[in-house]
PDB file of all heavy atoms in Angstrom:
ATOM      1  N   ILE A   1       0.813  -1.215   0.000  1.00  0.00           N
ATOM      2  CA  ILE A   1       0.000   0.000   0.000  1.00  0.00           C
ATOM      3  C   ILE A   1       0.847   1.266   0.000  1.00  0.00           C
ATOM      4  O   ILE A   1       0.609   2.187  -0.792  1.00  0.00           O
ATOM      5  CB  ILE A   1      -0.963  -0.007   1.210  1.00  0.00           C
ATOM      6  CG1 ILE A   1      -2.014  -1.110   1.038  1.00  0.00           C
ATOM      7  CG2 ILE A   1      -1.649   1.347   1.363  1.00  0.00           C
ATOM      8  CD1 ILE A   1      -2.954  -1.278   2.213  1.00  0.00           C
ATOM      9  N   GLU A   2       1.840   1.352   0.863  1.00  0.00           N
ATOM     10  CA  GLU A   2       2.645   2.579   0.953  1.00  0.00           C
ATOM     11  C   GLU A   2       3.437   2.822  -0.326  1.00  0.00           C
ATOM     12  O   GLU A   2       3.570   3.966  -0.779  1.00  0.00           O
ATOM     13  CB  GLU A   2       3.579   2.516   2.163  1.00  0.00           C
ATOM     14  CG  GLU A   2       2.875   2.720   3.494  1.00  0.00           C
ATOM     15  CD  GLU A   2       2.113   4.038   3.563  1.00  0.00           C
ATOM     16  OE1 GLU A   2       2.686   5.081   3.173  1.00  0.00           O
ATOM     17  OE2 GLU A   2       0.946   4.031   3.986  1.00  0.00           O
ATOM     18  N   ASN A   3       3.974   1.768  -0.913  1.00  0.00           N
ATOM     19  CA  ASN A   3       4.743   1.921  -2.151  1.00  0.00           C
ATOM     20  C   ASN A   3       3.858   2.355  -3.311  1.00  0.00           C
ATOM     21  O   ASN A   3       4.253   3.197  -4.129  1.00  0.00           O
ATOM     22  CB  ASN A   3       5.454   0.612  -2.495  1.00  0.00           C
ATOM     23  CG  ASN A   3       6.575   0.294  -1.541  1.00  0.00           C
ATOM     24  OD1 ASN A   3       7.206   1.181  -0.980  1.00  0.00           O
ATOM     25  ND2 ASN A   3       6.826  -0.987  -1.319  1.00  0.00           N
ATOM     26  N   VAL A   4       2.660   1.787  -3.380  1.00  0.00           N
ATOM     27  CA  VAL A   4       1.720   2.180  -4.436  1.00  0.00           C
ATOM     28  C   VAL A   4       1.271   3.627  -4.213  1.00  0.00           C
ATOM     29  O   VAL A   4       1.136   4.410  -5.166  1.00  0.00           O
ATOM     30  CB  VAL A   4       0.515   1.219  -4.467  1.00  0.00           C
ATOM     31  CG1 VAL A   4      -0.553   1.729  -5.434  1.00  0.00           C
ATOM     32  CG2 VAL A   4       0.963  -0.172  -4.873  1.00  0.00           C
ATOM     33  N   LYS A   5       1.060   3.988  -2.957  1.00  0.00           N
ATOM     34  CA  LYS A   5       0.699   5.374  -2.625  1.00  0.00           C
ATOM     35  C   LYS A   5       1.785   6.336  -3.082  1.00  0.00           C
ATOM     36  O   LYS A   5       1.496   7.373  -3.699  1.00  0.00           O
ATOM     37  CB  LYS A   5       0.478   5.504  -1.118  1.00  0.00           C
ATOM     38  CG  LYS A   5       0.176   6.910  -0.643  1.00  0.00           C
ATOM     39  CD  LYS A   5      -0.005   6.917   0.876  1.00  0.00           C
ATOM     40  CE  LYS A   5      -0.262   8.321   1.396  1.00  0.00           C
ATOM     41  NZ  LYS A   5      -0.423   8.324   2.880  1.00  0.00           N
ATOM     42  N   ASP A   6       3.035   6.013  -2.798  1.00  0.00           N
ATOM     43  CA  ASP A   6       4.155   6.864  -3.207  1.00  0.00           C
ATOM     44  C   ASP A   6       4.241   6.969  -4.725  1.00  0.00           C
ATOM     45  O   ASP A   6       4.586   8.027  -5.271  1.00  0.00           O
ATOM     46  CB  ASP A   6       5.472   6.307  -2.651  1.00  0.00           C
ATOM     47  CG  ASP A   6       5.577   6.452  -1.143  1.00  0.00           C
ATOM     48  OD1 ASP A   6       4.811   7.252  -0.570  1.00  0.00           O
ATOM     49  OD2 ASP A   6       6.420   5.759  -0.528  1.00  0.00           O
ATOM     50  N   PHE A   7       3.943   5.862  -5.404  1.00  0.00           N
ATOM     51  CA  PHE A   7       3.989   5.856  -6.870  1.00  0.00           C
ATOM     52  C   PHE A   7       2.986   6.862  -7.434  1.00  0.00           C
ATOM     53  O   PHE A   7       3.329   7.702  -8.271  1.00  0.00           O
ATOM     54  CB  PHE A   7       3.687   4.447  -7.387  1.00  0.00           C
ATOM     55  CG  PHE A   7       3.659   4.328  -8.879  1.00  0.00           C
ATOM     56  CD1 PHE A   7       4.823   4.090  -9.597  1.00  0.00           C
ATOM     57  CD2 PHE A   7       2.465   4.456  -9.581  1.00  0.00           C
ATOM     58  CE1 PHE A   7       4.807   3.982 -10.976  1.00  0.00           C
ATOM     59  CE2 PHE A   7       2.434   4.350 -10.964  1.00  0.00           C
ATOM     60  CZ  PHE A   7       3.608   4.106 -11.664  1.00  0.00           C
ATOM     61  N   TYR A   8       1.746   6.801  -6.967  1.00  0.00           N
ATOM     62  CA  TYR A   8       0.714   7.678  -7.519  1.00  0.00           C
ATOM     63  C   TYR A   8       0.811   9.109  -6.993  1.00  0.00           C
ATOM     64  O   TYR A   8       0.254  10.035  -7.608  1.00  0.00           O
ATOM     65  CB  TYR A   8      -0.674   7.093  -7.272  1.00  0.00           C
ATOM     66  CG  TYR A   8      -1.008   6.023  -8.284  1.00  0.00           C
ATOM     67  CD1 TYR A   8      -0.950   4.676  -7.948  1.00  0.00           C
ATOM     68  CD2 TYR A   8      -1.340   6.361  -9.594  1.00  0.00           C
ATOM     69  CE1 TYR A   8      -1.224   3.688  -8.888  1.00  0.00           C
ATOM     70  CE2 TYR A   8      -1.613   5.386 -10.533  1.00  0.00           C
ATOM     71  CZ  TYR A   8      -1.549   4.057 -10.182  1.00  0.00           C
ATOM     72  OH  TYR A   8      -1.806   3.088 -11.118  1.00  0.00           O
ATOM     73  N   ALA A   9       1.529   9.306  -5.914  1.00  0.00           N
ATOM     74  CA  ALA A   9       1.763  10.675  -5.433  1.00  0.00           C
ATOM     75  C   ALA A   9       2.515  11.482  -6.483  1.00  0.00           C
ATOM     76  O   ALA A   9       2.370  12.708  -6.556  1.00  0.00           O
ATOM     77  CB  ALA A   9       2.542  10.643  -4.118  1.00  0.00           C
ATOM     78  N   ASN A  10       3.311  10.800  -7.324  1.00  0.00           N
ATOM     79  CA  ASN A  10       4.027  11.489  -8.404  1.00  0.00           C
ATOM     80  C   ASN A  10       3.060  12.177  -9.364  1.00  0.00           C
ATOM     81  O   ASN A  10       3.350  13.261  -9.876  1.00  0.00           O
ATOM     82  CB  ASN A  10       4.898  10.496  -9.170  1.00  0.00           C
ATOM     83  CG  ASN A  10       6.168  10.147  -8.434  1.00  0.00           C
ATOM     84  OD1 ASN A  10       7.149  10.885  -8.463  1.00  0.00           O
ATOM     85  ND2 ASN A  10       6.154   9.001  -7.761  1.00  0.00           N
ATOM     86  N   TYR A  11       1.919  11.555  -9.610  1.00  0.00           N
ATOM     87  CA  TYR A  11       0.933  12.151 -10.515  1.00  0.00           C
ATOM     88  C   TYR A  11       0.274  13.365  -9.870  1.00  0.00           C
ATOM     89  O   TYR A  11       0.087  14.405 -10.520  1.00  0.00           O
ATOM     90  CB  TYR A  11      -0.133  11.120 -10.891  1.00  0.00           C
ATOM     91  CG  TYR A  11       0.358  10.093 -11.887  1.00  0.00           C
ATOM     92  CD1 TYR A  11       1.007   8.934 -11.456  1.00  0.00           C
ATOM     93  CD2 TYR A  11       0.183  10.278 -13.256  1.00  0.00           C
ATOM     94  CE1 TYR A  11       1.467   7.991 -12.368  1.00  0.00           C
ATOM     95  CE2 TYR A  11       0.638   9.341 -14.173  1.00  0.00           C
ATOM     96  CZ  TYR A  11       1.280   8.198 -13.719  1.00  0.00           C
ATOM     97  OH  TYR A  11       1.740   7.279 -14.626  1.00  0.00           O
ATOM     98  N   LEU A  12      -0.073  13.245  -8.595  1.00  0.00           N
ATOM     99  CA  LEU A  12      -0.738  14.355  -7.926  1.00  0.00           C
ATOM    100  C   LEU A  12       0.213  15.521  -7.685  1.00  0.00           C
ATOM    101  O   LEU A  12      -0.190  16.690  -7.736  1.00  0.00           O
ATOM    102  CB  LEU A  12      -1.344  13.887  -6.603  1.00  0.00           C
ATOM    103  CG  LEU A  12      -2.401  12.775  -6.710  1.00  0.00           C
ATOM    104  CD1 LEU A  12      -3.054  12.539  -5.353  1.00  0.00           C
ATOM    105  CD2 LEU A  12      -3.446  13.105  -7.749  1.00  0.00           C
ATOM    106  N   ASN A  13       1.492  15.226  -7.416  1.00  0.00           N
ATOM    107  CA  ASN A  13       2.484  16.286  -7.228  1.00  0.00           C
ATOM    108  C   ASN A  13       2.921  16.882  -8.566  1.00  0.00           C
ATOM    109  O   ASN A  13       3.289  18.056  -8.648  1.00  0.00           O
ATOM    110  CB  ASN A  13       3.708  15.741  -6.489  1.00  0.00           C
ATOM    111  CG  ASN A  13       3.390  15.326  -5.073  1.00  0.00           C
ATOM    112  OD1 ASN A  13       2.486  15.860  -4.447  1.00  0.00           O
ATOM    113  ND2 ASN A  13       4.137  14.349  -4.547  1.00  0.00           N
ATOM    114  N   GLY A  14       2.900  16.055  -9.613  1.00  0.00           N
ATOM    115  CA  GLY A  14       3.412  16.494 -10.910  1.00  0.00           C
ATOM    116  C   GLY A  14       2.407  17.237 -11.768  1.00  0.00           C
ATOM    117  O   GLY A  14       2.801  18.017 -12.648  1.00  0.00           O
ATOM    118  N   PHE A  15       1.115  17.018 -11.521  1.00  0.00           N
ATOM    119  CA  PHE A  15       0.105  17.609 -12.405  1.00  0.00           C
ATOM    120  C   PHE A  15      -0.938  18.408 -11.642  1.00  0.00           C
ATOM    121  O   PHE A  15      -1.359  18.029 -10.547  1.00  0.00           O
ATOM    122  CB  PHE A  15      -0.598  16.512 -13.211  1.00  0.00           C
ATOM    123  CG  PHE A  15       0.277  15.869 -14.251  1.00  0.00           C
ATOM    124  CD1 PHE A  15       1.060  14.775 -13.926  1.00  0.00           C
ATOM    125  CD2 PHE A  15       0.344  16.376 -15.547  1.00  0.00           C
ATOM    126  CE1 PHE A  15       1.887  14.182 -14.868  1.00  0.00           C
ATOM    127  CE2 PHE A  15       1.162  15.782 -16.493  1.00  0.00           C
ATOM    128  CZ  PHE A  15       1.946  14.694 -16.161  1.00  0.00           C
ATOM    129  N   SER A  16      -1.341  19.513 -12.246  1.00  0.00           N
ATOM    130  CA  SER A  16      -2.459  20.301 -11.744  1.00  0.00           C
ATOM    131  C   SER A  16      -3.579  20.227 -12.784  1.00  0.00           C
ATOM    132  O   SER A  16      -3.385  19.686 -13.874  1.00  0.00           O
ATOM    133  CB  SER A  16      -2.038  21.754 -11.515  1.00  0.00           C
ATOM    134  OG  SER A  16      -1.523  22.326 -12.714  1.00  0.00           O
ATOM    135  N   ASN A  17      -4.736  20.774 -12.457  1.00  0.00           N
ATOM    136  CA  ASN A  17      -5.894  20.757 -13.365  1.00  0.00           C
ATOM    137  C   ASN A  17      -6.216  19.329 -13.823  1.00  0.00           C
ATOM    138  O   ASN A  17      -6.569  19.103 -14.985  1.00  0.00           O
ATOM    139  CB  ASN A  17      -5.647  21.643 -14.593  1.00  0.00           C
ATOM    140  CG  ASN A  17      -5.277  23.059 -14.234  1.00  0.00           C
ATOM    141  OD1 ASN A  17      -5.872  23.653 -13.339  1.00  0.00           O
ATOM    142  ND2 ASN A  17      -4.278  23.601 -14.911  1.00  0.00           N
ATOM    143  N   ILE A  18      -6.103  18.396 -12.916  1.00  0.00           N
ATOM    144  CA  ILE A  18      -6.316  16.989 -13.278  1.00  0.00           C
ATOM    145  C   ILE A  18      -7.801  16.696 -13.505  1.00  0.00           C
ATOM    146  O   ILE A  18      -8.656  17.117 -12.737  1.00  0.00           O
ATOM    147  CB  ILE A  18      -5.777  16.057 -12.176  1.00  0.00           C
ATOM    148  CG1 ILE A  18      -4.251  16.074 -12.151  1.00  0.00           C
ATOM    149  CG2 ILE A  18      -6.275  14.625 -12.388  1.00  0.00           C
ATOM    150  CD1 ILE A  18      -3.645  15.237 -11.036  1.00  0.00           C
ATOM    151  N   GLU A  19      -8.045  15.966 -14.601  1.00  0.00           N
ATOM    152  CA  GLU A  19      -9.375  15.412 -14.877  1.00  0.00           C
ATOM    153  C   GLU A  19      -9.180  13.942 -15.205  1.00  0.00           C
ATOM    154  O   GLU A  19      -8.629  13.607 -16.254  1.00  0.00           O
ATOM    155  CB  GLU A  19     -10.042  16.121 -16.056  1.00  0.00           C
ATOM    156  CG  GLU A  19     -10.399  17.574 -15.805  1.00  0.00           C
ATOM    157  CD  GLU A  19     -11.058  18.209 -17.023  1.00  0.00           C
ATOM    158  OE1 GLU A  19     -11.768  17.484 -17.759  1.00  0.00           O
ATOM    159  OE2 GLU A  19     -10.838  19.401 -17.249  1.00  0.00           O
ATOM    160  N   PHE A  20      -9.624  13.086 -14.306  1.00  0.00           N
ATOM    161  CA  PHE A  20      -9.502  11.643 -14.518  1.00  0.00           C
ATOM    162  C   PHE A  20     -10.897  11.078 -14.737  1.00  0.00           C
ATOM    163  O   PHE A  20     -11.772  11.211 -13.889  1.00  0.00           O
ATOM    164  CB  PHE A  20      -8.840  10.976 -13.316  1.00  0.00           C
ATOM    165  CG  PHE A  20      -8.687   9.488 -13.455  1.00  0.00           C
ATOM    166  CD1 PHE A  20      -7.772   8.964 -14.357  1.00  0.00           C
ATOM    167  CD2 PHE A  20      -9.453   8.628 -12.692  1.00  0.00           C
ATOM    168  CE1 PHE A  20      -7.630   7.583 -14.490  1.00  0.00           C
ATOM    169  CE2 PHE A  20      -9.317   7.251 -12.817  1.00  0.00           C
ATOM    170  CZ  PHE A  20      -8.403   6.731 -13.728  1.00  0.00           C
ATOM    171  N   THR A  21     -11.099  10.457 -15.899  1.00  0.00           N
ATOM    172  CA  THR A  21     -12.427   9.971 -16.268  1.00  0.00           C
ATOM    173  C   THR A  21     -12.389   8.481 -16.575  1.00  0.00           C
ATOM    174  O   THR A  21     -11.502   8.023 -17.308  1.00  0.00           O
ATOM    175  CB  THR A  21     -12.942  10.715 -17.519  1.00  0.00           C
ATOM    176  OG1 THR A  21     -12.911  12.121 -17.283  1.00  0.00           O
ATOM    177  CG2 THR A  21     -14.373  10.285 -17.840  1.00  0.00           C
ATOM    178  N   VAL A  22     -13.318   7.749 -16.011  1.00  0.00           N
ATOM    179  CA  VAL A  22     -13.493   6.344 -16.382  1.00  0.00           C
ATOM    180  C   VAL A  22     -14.448   6.332 -17.576  1.00  0.00           C
ATOM    181  O   VAL A  22     -15.644   6.586 -17.427  1.00  0.00           O
ATOM    182  CB  VAL A  22     -14.058   5.520 -15.217  1.00  0.00           C
ATOM    183  CG1 VAL A  22     -14.329   4.086 -15.679  1.00  0.00           C
ATOM    184  CG2 VAL A  22     -13.095   5.521 -14.042  1.00  0.00           C
ATOM    185  N   VAL A  23     -13.898   6.073 -18.761  1.00  0.00           N
ATOM    186  CA  VAL A  23     -14.692   6.085 -19.982  1.00  0.00           C
ATOM    187  C   VAL A  23     -15.638   4.886 -20.026  1.00  0.00           C
ATOM    188  O   VAL A  23     -16.801   5.000 -20.405  1.00  0.00           O
ATOM    189  CB  VAL A  23     -13.769   6.072 -21.221  1.00  0.00           C
ATOM    190  CG1 VAL A  23     -14.584   6.081 -22.512  1.00  0.00           C
ATOM    191  CG2 VAL A  23     -12.812   7.264 -21.187  1.00  0.00           C
ATOM    192  N   ASP A  24     -15.124   3.736 -19.611  1.00  0.00           N
ATOM    193  CA  ASP A  24     -15.936   2.521 -19.585  1.00  0.00           C
ATOM    194  C   ASP A  24     -15.327   1.551 -18.578  1.00  0.00           C
ATOM    195  O   ASP A  24     -14.112   1.565 -18.355  1.00  0.00           O
ATOM    196  CB  ASP A  24     -15.979   1.878 -20.978  1.00  0.00           C
ATOM    197  CG  ASP A  24     -17.062   0.815 -21.103  1.00  0.00           C
ATOM    198  OD1 ASP A  24     -17.923   0.746 -20.216  1.00  0.00           O
ATOM    199  OD2 ASP A  24     -17.048   0.061 -22.102  1.00  0.00           O
ATOM    200  N   VAL A  25     -16.163   0.744 -17.982  1.00  0.00           N
ATOM    201  CA  VAL A  25     -15.673  -0.245 -17.021  1.00  0.00           C
ATOM    202  C   VAL A  25     -16.631  -1.437 -17.006  1.00  0.00           C
ATOM    203  O   VAL A  25     -17.846  -1.266 -17.103  1.00  0.00           O
ATOM    204  CB  VAL A  25     -15.549   0.368 -15.599  1.00  0.00           C
ATOM    205  CG1 VAL A  25     -16.885   0.865 -15.086  1.00  0.00           C
ATOM    206  CG2 VAL A  25     -14.923  -0.628 -14.629  1.00  0.00           C
ATOM    207  N   PHE A  26     -16.067  -2.634 -16.958  1.00  0.00           N
ATOM    208  CA  PHE A  26     -16.897  -3.834 -16.876  1.00  0.00           C
ATOM    209  C   PHE A  26     -16.088  -4.913 -16.178  1.00  0.00           C
ATOM    210  O   PHE A  26     -14.871  -4.786 -15.977  1.00  0.00           O
ATOM    211  CB  PHE A  26     -17.344  -4.307 -18.268  1.00  0.00           C
ATOM    212  CG  PHE A  26     -16.230  -4.525 -19.247  1.00  0.00           C
ATOM    213  CD1 PHE A  26     -15.619  -5.762 -19.372  1.00  0.00           C
ATOM    214  CD2 PHE A  26     -15.791  -3.483 -20.055  1.00  0.00           C
ATOM    215  CE1 PHE A  26     -14.593  -5.964 -20.272  1.00  0.00           C
ATOM    216  CE2 PHE A  26     -14.764  -3.669 -20.967  1.00  0.00           C
ATOM    217  CZ  PHE A  26     -14.152  -4.912 -21.076  1.00  0.00           C
ATOM    218  N   GLY A  27     -16.771  -5.981 -15.775  1.00  0.00           N
ATOM    219  CA  GLY A  27     -16.058  -7.005 -15.024  1.00  0.00           C
ATOM    220  C   GLY A  27     -16.670  -8.385 -15.167  1.00  0.00           C
ATOM    221  O   GLY A  27     -17.758  -8.553 -15.718  1.00  0.00           O
ATOM    222  N   GLN A  28     -15.938  -9.343 -14.668  1.00  0.00           N
ATOM    223  CA  GLN A  28     -16.403 -10.723 -14.606  1.00  0.00           C
ATOM    224  C   GLN A  28     -15.727 -11.376 -13.415  1.00  0.00           C
ATOM    225  O   GLN A  28     -14.498 -11.367 -13.311  1.00  0.00           O
ATOM    226  CB  GLN A  28     -16.062 -11.481 -15.892  1.00  0.00           C
ATOM    227  CG  GLN A  28     -16.574 -12.922 -15.898  1.00  0.00           C
ATOM    228  CD  GLN A  28     -16.308 -13.623 -17.216  1.00  0.00           C
ATOM    229  OE1 GLN A  28     -15.515 -13.157 -18.024  1.00  0.00           O
ATOM    230  NE2 GLN A  28     -16.958 -14.746 -17.431  1.00  0.00           N
ATOM    231  N   GLY A  29     -16.529 -11.929 -12.521  1.00  0.00           N
ATOM    232  CA  GLY A  29     -15.962 -12.518 -11.320  1.00  0.00           C
ATOM    233  C   GLY A  29     -15.236 -11.464 -10.499  1.00  0.00           C
ATOM    234  O   GLY A  29     -15.788 -10.411 -10.178  1.00  0.00           O
ATOM    235  N   ASP A  30     -13.966 -11.721 -10.178  1.00  0.00           N
ATOM    236  CA  ASP A  30     -13.177 -10.767  -9.390  1.00  0.00           C
ATOM    237  C   ASP A  30     -12.268  -9.901 -10.270  1.00  0.00           C
ATOM    238  O   ASP A  30     -11.381  -9.225  -9.774  1.00  0.00           O
ATOM    239  CB  ASP A  30     -12.337 -11.506  -8.344  1.00  0.00           C
ATOM    240  CG  ASP A  30     -11.331 -12.466  -8.982  1.00  0.00           C
ATOM    241  OD1 ASP A  30     -11.356 -12.639 -10.218  1.00  0.00           O
ATOM    242  OD2 ASP A  30     -10.509 -13.045  -8.238  1.00  0.00           O
ATOM    243  N   LYS A  31     -12.535  -9.907 -11.594  1.00  0.00           N
ATOM    244  CA  LYS A  31     -11.699  -9.150 -12.525  1.00  0.00           C
ATOM    245  C   LYS A  31     -12.462  -7.964 -13.106  1.00  0.00           C
ATOM    246  O   LYS A  31     -13.652  -8.060 -13.393  1.00  0.00           O
ATOM    247  CB  LYS A  31     -11.200 -10.055 -13.649  1.00  0.00           C
ATOM    248  CG  LYS A  31     -10.304 -11.189 -13.159  1.00  0.00           C
ATOM    249  CD  LYS A  31      -9.879 -12.098 -14.298  1.00  0.00           C
ATOM    250  CE  LYS A  31      -9.015 -13.246 -13.781  1.00  0.00           C
ATOM    251  NZ  LYS A  31      -8.614 -14.177 -14.868  1.00  0.00           N
ATOM    252  N   ILE A  32     -11.752  -6.843 -13.270  1.00  0.00           N
ATOM    253  CA  ILE A  32     -12.340  -5.623 -13.810  1.00  0.00           C
ATOM    254  C   ILE A  32     -11.442  -5.100 -14.929  1.00  0.00           C
ATOM    255  O   ILE A  32     -10.208  -5.180 -14.838  1.00  0.00           O
ATOM    256  CB  ILE A  32     -12.486  -4.540 -12.717  1.00  0.00           C
ATOM    257  CG1 ILE A  32     -13.470  -4.997 -11.639  1.00  0.00           C
ATOM    258  CG2 ILE A  32     -12.935  -3.207 -13.315  1.00  0.00           C
ATOM    259  CD1 ILE A  32     -13.545  -4.040 -10.450  1.00  0.00           C
ATOM    260  N   VAL A  33     -12.058  -4.559 -15.975  1.00  0.00           N
ATOM    261  CA  VAL A  33     -11.320  -3.883 -17.042  1.00  0.00           C
ATOM    262  C   VAL A  33     -11.813  -2.441 -17.088  1.00  0.00           C
ATOM    263  O   VAL A  33     -13.021  -2.188 -17.141  1.00  0.00           O
ATOM    264  CB  VAL A  33     -11.536  -4.557 -18.409  1.00  0.00           C
ATOM    265  CG1 VAL A  33     -10.792  -3.783 -19.498  1.00  0.00           C
ATOM    266  CG2 VAL A  33     -11.068  -6.006 -18.373  1.00  0.00           C
TER     267      VAL A  33
END
């Protein structure tokens, strides 16, 4: 968890005016695309 948190902190520290959109999402069982 902490390592993944540090990884994505690069995006939040590196970019402003962020717009993150899930265009489409679907799944089967325990898997998601």
